[in-house]
Protein backbone atom coordinates (compact mmCIF):
# COMPACT_ATOMS: atom_id res chain seq x y z
CA MET A 1 -57.57 -58.93 -67.74
CA ASP A 2 -54.42 -60.64 -66.51
CA GLU A 3 -54.88 -64.24 -65.40
CA ILE A 4 -54.22 -63.58 -61.71
CA TRP A 5 -56.92 -60.92 -61.48
CA GLN A 6 -59.40 -63.11 -63.29
CA LEU A 7 -58.68 -65.96 -60.88
CA LEU A 8 -59.03 -63.72 -57.83
CA GLU A 9 -62.30 -62.31 -59.16
CA CYS A 10 -63.70 -65.79 -59.76
CA THR A 11 -62.76 -66.67 -56.18
CA HIS A 12 -64.43 -63.58 -54.76
CA ALA A 13 -67.52 -63.21 -56.97
CA PRO A 14 -69.68 -66.20 -55.89
CA VAL A 15 -70.81 -64.14 -52.89
CA TYR A 16 -72.93 -62.06 -55.29
CA PHE A 17 -74.59 -65.01 -56.99
CA ALA A 18 -74.98 -67.41 -54.07
CA PRO A 19 -78.57 -68.62 -53.62
CA GLU A 20 -77.81 -68.69 -49.90
CA ALA A 21 -77.55 -64.88 -49.81
CA VAL A 22 -81.21 -63.90 -49.80
CA SER A 23 -82.17 -66.11 -46.86
CA VAL A 24 -79.07 -65.25 -44.81
CA TYR A 25 -79.38 -61.49 -45.31
CA SER A 26 -83.11 -61.51 -44.69
CA ALA A 27 -82.48 -63.25 -41.36
CA ALA A 28 -79.74 -60.82 -40.28
CA GLY A 29 -80.77 -58.21 -37.74
CA ALA A 30 -84.23 -56.90 -38.59
CA GLY A 31 -83.78 -58.34 -42.08
CA LEU A 32 -82.27 -56.85 -45.24
CA LYS A 33 -84.96 -56.51 -47.90
CA GLY A 34 -84.28 -57.91 -51.36
CA PHE A 35 -81.12 -58.60 -53.35
CA TRP A 36 -79.89 -55.02 -53.76
CA MET A 37 -80.14 -54.02 -50.12
CA GLY A 38 -78.12 -57.12 -49.27
CA TYR A 39 -75.59 -56.35 -52.01
CA PHE A 40 -74.94 -52.72 -51.12
CA ALA A 41 -74.96 -53.30 -47.37
CA SER A 42 -72.69 -56.37 -47.50
CA ARG A 43 -70.10 -54.93 -49.87
CA SER A 44 -69.93 -51.55 -48.14
CA ALA A 45 -70.26 -52.68 -44.50
CA ALA A 46 -66.47 -52.67 -44.09
CA LEU A 47 -66.67 -48.86 -44.43
CA GLY A 48 -69.12 -48.61 -41.52
CA ALA A 49 -72.64 -47.16 -41.63
CA VAL A 50 -71.81 -44.70 -44.40
CA PRO A 51 -74.48 -42.80 -46.38
CA ALA A 52 -75.51 -43.64 -49.94
CA ASP A 53 -73.37 -40.88 -51.48
CA VAL A 54 -70.18 -42.44 -50.09
CA VAL A 55 -71.06 -45.87 -51.49
CA THR A 56 -72.03 -44.36 -54.85
CA ALA A 57 -68.63 -42.66 -54.99
CA ALA A 58 -66.72 -45.81 -54.01
CA PHE A 59 -68.61 -48.26 -56.24
CA TYR A 60 -68.69 -45.70 -59.08
CA ASN A 61 -70.72 -47.44 -61.80
CA PHE A 62 -74.06 -47.72 -59.98
CA ALA A 63 -76.77 -45.10 -60.46
CA PRO A 64 -77.09 -42.95 -57.31
CA ALA A 65 -80.84 -43.66 -57.16
CA ARG A 66 -80.20 -47.43 -57.04
CA VAL A 67 -77.86 -47.05 -54.07
CA ALA A 68 -80.17 -44.62 -52.28
CA ARG A 69 -83.00 -47.18 -52.32
CA ALA A 70 -80.86 -49.47 -50.14
CA LEU A 71 -78.87 -47.08 -47.95
CA PRO A 72 -79.02 -45.80 -45.27
CA ASP A 73 -82.20 -47.82 -44.60
CA ALA A 74 -80.11 -50.99 -44.42
CA TRP A 75 -78.17 -49.69 -41.40
CA ASP A 76 -81.41 -49.12 -39.49
CA ARG A 77 -82.31 -52.75 -40.10
CA CYS A 78 -78.90 -54.32 -39.60
CA PRO A 79 -75.67 -52.74 -38.27
CA PRO A 80 -72.48 -53.18 -40.35
CA GLU A 81 -70.87 -55.70 -38.00
CA THR A 82 -73.93 -57.95 -38.27
CA VAL A 83 -73.96 -57.57 -42.06
CA LEU A 84 -70.28 -58.55 -42.23
CA ALA A 85 -70.92 -61.68 -40.18
CA ALA A 86 -73.83 -62.58 -42.46
CA ARG A 87 -71.69 -62.04 -45.56
CA LEU A 88 -69.03 -64.40 -44.20
CA ASP A 89 -71.75 -66.95 -43.47
CA VAL A 90 -73.00 -66.64 -47.08
CA ILE A 91 -69.58 -67.27 -48.62
CA ASP A 92 -68.79 -70.07 -46.16
CA ARG A 93 -71.90 -71.98 -47.19
CA CYS A 94 -71.38 -71.11 -50.83
CA LEU A 95 -67.73 -72.15 -51.10
CA ARG A 96 -68.31 -75.39 -49.20
CA ARG A 97 -71.05 -76.24 -51.70
CA LEU A 98 -69.09 -75.19 -54.79
CA LEU A 99 -65.65 -76.54 -53.87
CA GLY A 100 -66.65 -79.80 -52.20
CA ASP A 101 -63.57 -81.72 -51.08
CA LEU A 102 -61.32 -79.02 -52.54
CA VAL A 103 -62.36 -76.64 -49.75
CA ASP A 104 -59.88 -78.27 -47.34
CA SER A 105 -57.13 -78.82 -49.90
CA PRO A 106 -53.47 -77.74 -49.62
CA GLN A 107 -54.01 -75.45 -52.65
CA VAL A 108 -56.60 -73.44 -50.75
CA ALA A 109 -54.36 -73.12 -47.69
CA GLU A 110 -51.31 -72.10 -49.76
CA ALA A 111 -53.29 -69.64 -51.87
CA ALA A 112 -54.72 -68.11 -48.70
CA ASP A 113 -51.24 -67.67 -47.24
CA LEU A 114 -49.83 -66.06 -50.39
CA ALA A 115 -52.79 -63.76 -50.92
CA ARG A 116 -52.87 -62.76 -47.24
CA ARG A 117 -49.18 -61.85 -47.42
CA ALA A 118 -49.93 -59.51 -50.31
CA VAL A 119 -52.86 -57.87 -48.52
CA VAL A 120 -50.99 -57.09 -45.31
CA THR A 121 -47.98 -55.68 -47.19
CA LEU A 122 -49.68 -53.49 -49.81
CA PRO A 123 -49.84 -49.71 -49.24
CA PRO A 124 -53.45 -48.65 -48.57
CA ALA A 125 -53.04 -44.97 -49.53
CA GLY A 126 -55.71 -43.91 -52.01
CA ARG A 127 -57.42 -47.33 -51.90
CA VAL A 128 -60.45 -46.80 -49.72
CA LEU A 129 -62.36 -50.03 -50.37
CA PHE A 130 -59.16 -52.06 -50.21
CA ALA A 131 -58.14 -50.47 -46.92
CA ALA A 132 -61.56 -51.09 -45.40
CA HIS A 133 -61.61 -54.78 -46.32
CA ALA A 134 -57.94 -55.32 -45.46
CA ALA A 135 -58.65 -53.97 -41.97
CA LEU A 136 -61.22 -56.69 -41.26
CA PRO A 137 -60.09 -59.67 -39.17
CA VAL A 138 -58.60 -62.56 -41.14
CA PRO A 139 -61.00 -65.55 -40.85
CA GLU A 140 -59.64 -68.68 -39.23
CA HIS A 141 -60.59 -71.26 -41.88
CA PRO A 142 -58.31 -71.26 -44.95
CA HIS A 143 -61.12 -71.07 -47.54
CA LEU A 144 -62.54 -68.02 -45.77
CA ALA A 145 -59.08 -66.48 -45.33
CA LEU A 146 -58.56 -66.94 -49.08
CA TRP A 147 -61.90 -65.29 -49.84
CA TRP A 148 -61.07 -62.40 -47.47
CA ALA A 149 -57.75 -61.85 -49.23
CA ALA A 150 -59.23 -62.23 -52.72
CA THR A 151 -61.88 -59.66 -51.76
CA ALA A 152 -59.32 -57.14 -50.55
CA LEU A 153 -57.11 -57.65 -53.60
CA ARG A 154 -59.97 -57.27 -56.08
CA GLU A 155 -60.96 -54.04 -54.33
CA PHE A 156 -57.32 -52.91 -54.55
CA ARG A 157 -57.48 -53.31 -58.32
CA GLY A 158 -60.99 -51.86 -58.38
CA ASP A 159 -59.91 -48.71 -56.54
CA GLY A 160 -57.20 -48.26 -59.16
CA HIS A 161 -59.68 -48.84 -61.97
CA VAL A 162 -61.95 -46.10 -60.61
CA ALA A 163 -58.95 -43.76 -60.47
CA ALA A 164 -58.19 -44.61 -64.11
CA LEU A 165 -61.80 -43.93 -65.15
CA VAL A 166 -61.85 -40.58 -63.33
CA THR A 167 -58.54 -39.58 -64.90
CA ALA A 168 -59.82 -40.50 -68.37
CA GLY A 169 -63.07 -38.59 -67.85
CA VAL A 170 -65.28 -41.69 -68.14
CA ASP A 171 -68.21 -41.52 -65.74
CA GLY A 172 -69.99 -44.48 -64.15
CA CYS A 173 -72.81 -44.76 -66.68
CA GLU A 174 -70.40 -44.41 -69.62
CA ALA A 175 -68.22 -47.18 -68.18
CA ASN A 176 -71.23 -49.50 -68.27
CA VAL A 177 -72.10 -48.54 -71.85
CA ILE A 178 -68.54 -49.37 -72.92
CA THR A 179 -68.63 -52.75 -71.16
CA VAL A 180 -71.87 -53.66 -72.94
CA ALA A 181 -70.46 -52.47 -76.28
CA LEU A 182 -67.55 -54.87 -75.79
CA GLY A 183 -69.94 -57.76 -75.13
CA LEU A 184 -68.52 -58.31 -71.64
CA ALA A 185 -71.78 -57.43 -69.88
CA PRO A 186 -75.33 -58.46 -70.81
CA PRO A 187 -77.80 -56.06 -72.46
CA GLU A 188 -79.60 -55.88 -69.09
CA GLN A 189 -76.64 -53.98 -67.64
CA ARG A 190 -78.55 -50.69 -67.60
CA LEU A 191 -81.20 -52.24 -65.36
CA ASN A 192 -78.61 -54.13 -63.29
CA ARG A 193 -76.83 -50.90 -62.44
CA GLY A 194 -80.00 -48.85 -61.99
CA TRP A 195 -79.60 -46.27 -64.76
CA THR A 196 -82.71 -44.87 -66.42
CA GLU A 197 -83.17 -45.16 -70.17
CA ALA A 198 -82.69 -41.40 -70.49
CA GLU A 199 -79.42 -41.51 -68.50
CA TRP A 200 -78.17 -44.42 -70.60
CA GLN A 201 -79.01 -42.71 -73.89
CA ALA A 202 -77.33 -39.50 -72.71
CA ALA A 203 -74.18 -41.47 -71.88
CA GLU A 204 -74.24 -43.06 -75.35
CA GLU A 205 -74.54 -39.62 -76.93
CA ARG A 206 -71.59 -38.30 -74.93
CA LEU A 207 -69.48 -41.27 -76.03
CA ARG A 208 -70.51 -40.75 -79.66
CA GLY A 209 -69.61 -37.09 -79.37
CA ARG A 210 -66.13 -38.05 -78.16
CA GLY A 211 -65.67 -40.56 -80.99
CA VAL A 212 -65.73 -43.56 -78.64
CA LEU A 213 -69.03 -45.11 -79.74
CA ALA A 214 -70.27 -45.64 -83.29
CA GLU A 215 -73.86 -45.04 -84.38
CA ASP A 216 -74.58 -48.78 -84.24
CA GLY A 217 -73.51 -48.94 -80.59
CA ALA A 218 -70.14 -50.61 -81.21
CA LEU A 219 -66.85 -49.16 -80.04
CA THR A 220 -64.93 -47.25 -82.66
CA THR A 221 -61.23 -47.83 -83.28
CA GLU A 222 -60.56 -44.79 -81.12
CA GLY A 223 -62.91 -46.16 -78.47
CA ARG A 224 -61.02 -49.45 -78.33
CA ARG A 225 -57.74 -47.60 -78.13
CA GLU A 226 -59.01 -45.54 -75.19
CA ARG A 227 -60.41 -48.60 -73.48
CA ASP A 228 -57.11 -50.45 -73.89
CA ALA A 229 -55.33 -47.44 -72.38
CA LEU A 230 -57.73 -47.54 -69.41
CA GLU A 231 -56.99 -51.20 -68.81
CA ALA A 232 -53.25 -50.57 -69.12
CA THR A 233 -53.49 -47.83 -66.49
CA THR A 234 -55.51 -50.13 -64.22
CA ASP A 235 -52.88 -52.86 -64.60
CA ARG A 236 -50.09 -50.37 -63.86
CA LEU A 237 -51.86 -49.22 -60.71
CA ALA A 238 -52.26 -52.85 -59.64
CA ARG A 239 -48.54 -53.50 -60.09
CA PRO A 240 -47.73 -53.26 -56.34
CA VAL A 241 -49.25 -56.72 -55.88
CA VAL A 242 -46.64 -58.14 -58.26
CA ASP A 243 -43.91 -56.20 -56.50
CA VAL A 244 -44.94 -57.60 -53.12
CA LEU A 245 -45.11 -61.28 -54.12
CA GLY A 246 -42.49 -61.27 -56.87
CA ALA A 247 -42.73 -63.20 -60.12
CA ASP A 248 -42.35 -66.59 -58.43
CA GLY A 249 -44.96 -65.81 -55.79
CA MET A 250 -47.44 -64.58 -58.40
CA ALA A 251 -46.88 -67.69 -60.50
CA ARG A 252 -47.40 -69.94 -57.50
CA LEU A 253 -50.55 -68.07 -56.47
CA ALA A 254 -51.93 -68.52 -59.99
CA ASP A 255 -51.08 -72.24 -59.88
CA CYS A 256 -52.98 -72.64 -56.60
CA LEU A 257 -55.94 -70.52 -57.65
CA HIS A 258 -56.55 -72.09 -61.03
CA PRO A 259 -58.18 -75.36 -59.85
CA ILE A 260 -60.16 -73.41 -57.23
CA ALA A 261 -61.51 -70.89 -59.72
CA ARG A 262 -62.14 -73.63 -62.29
CA ARG A 263 -64.18 -75.65 -59.78
CA ILE A 264 -66.20 -72.53 -58.82
CA VAL A 265 -66.98 -71.70 -62.44
CA GLU A 266 -67.82 -75.28 -63.45
CA ALA A 267 -70.14 -75.57 -60.45
CA GLY A 268 -72.05 -72.48 -61.59
CA GLY A 269 -70.69 -70.06 -59.00
CA VAL A 270 -70.14 -67.28 -61.55
CA PRO A 271 -72.37 -66.75 -64.61
CA PHE A 272 -71.13 -65.53 -67.99
CA PRO A 273 -71.71 -62.87 -69.18
CA ASN A 274 -72.02 -61.00 -65.92
CA ALA A 275 -72.50 -57.44 -64.70
CA MET A 276 -68.84 -57.25 -63.58
CA GLY A 277 -67.57 -57.65 -67.14
CA LEU A 278 -65.57 -60.70 -66.05
CA PRO A 279 -64.70 -62.86 -69.08
CA PRO A 280 -64.83 -66.68 -68.98
CA LEU A 281 -61.76 -68.56 -67.82
CA GLY A 282 -59.62 -69.66 -70.72
CA PRO A 283 -57.73 -72.94 -71.06
CA ARG A 284 -54.50 -73.32 -69.17
């Protein structure tokens, strides 16, 4: 993963791990029940009160049954606009706690401005989750504006990644198996994403049949080649962000984001390994 995407992901991801989330979501509307209802409702609320099948399609690597246990019940308990306000409250509390005095720093304000410029300029065609999040109002406070932009940009890349997976014929369960085989996600990934043991084993067998997975569960040479090709396609589809900001703008955004992401990680805002397959930040 290129540095800029890793930095944006580290900026966005604390919303999923914030201890503040459970209490805030449970207090929203009639109360969202449990972690997963809060997760699916909060991440998909920008799309409106859509059914589970739409969220399964957009998120791609979650088992349909896992999504269906949360939606559409969540919308009966809490309308999307209320969920979105709660999500912003969660990340506001979380970032203030994680960043400390850095939350009001010039780096945060400059990063927010650069990332916002990318979001409002990028073409939304074919990027459903990106378009939905980019259409939300830009928050007033710089740290929240930065998180809003980081969220939209990570969904821009994510939409492209799903397109790459579909093109390569890798389904959602198989994508998880590959991430675990690479050591980027924990062994609990099957449970995290809601797949049954039978579904997981069937995905492993399909990957073995295609020469992607070895008998011991590791990726074969061909499997690594195919995975590298997937990542290359994802990077190519994310290229418009570079085109919008230019090389200098991308470099400056990375410079601003690095201390922010580093503070978030060092404060425990993102665990490693994690279900997203996000690798640890390297030295700079």
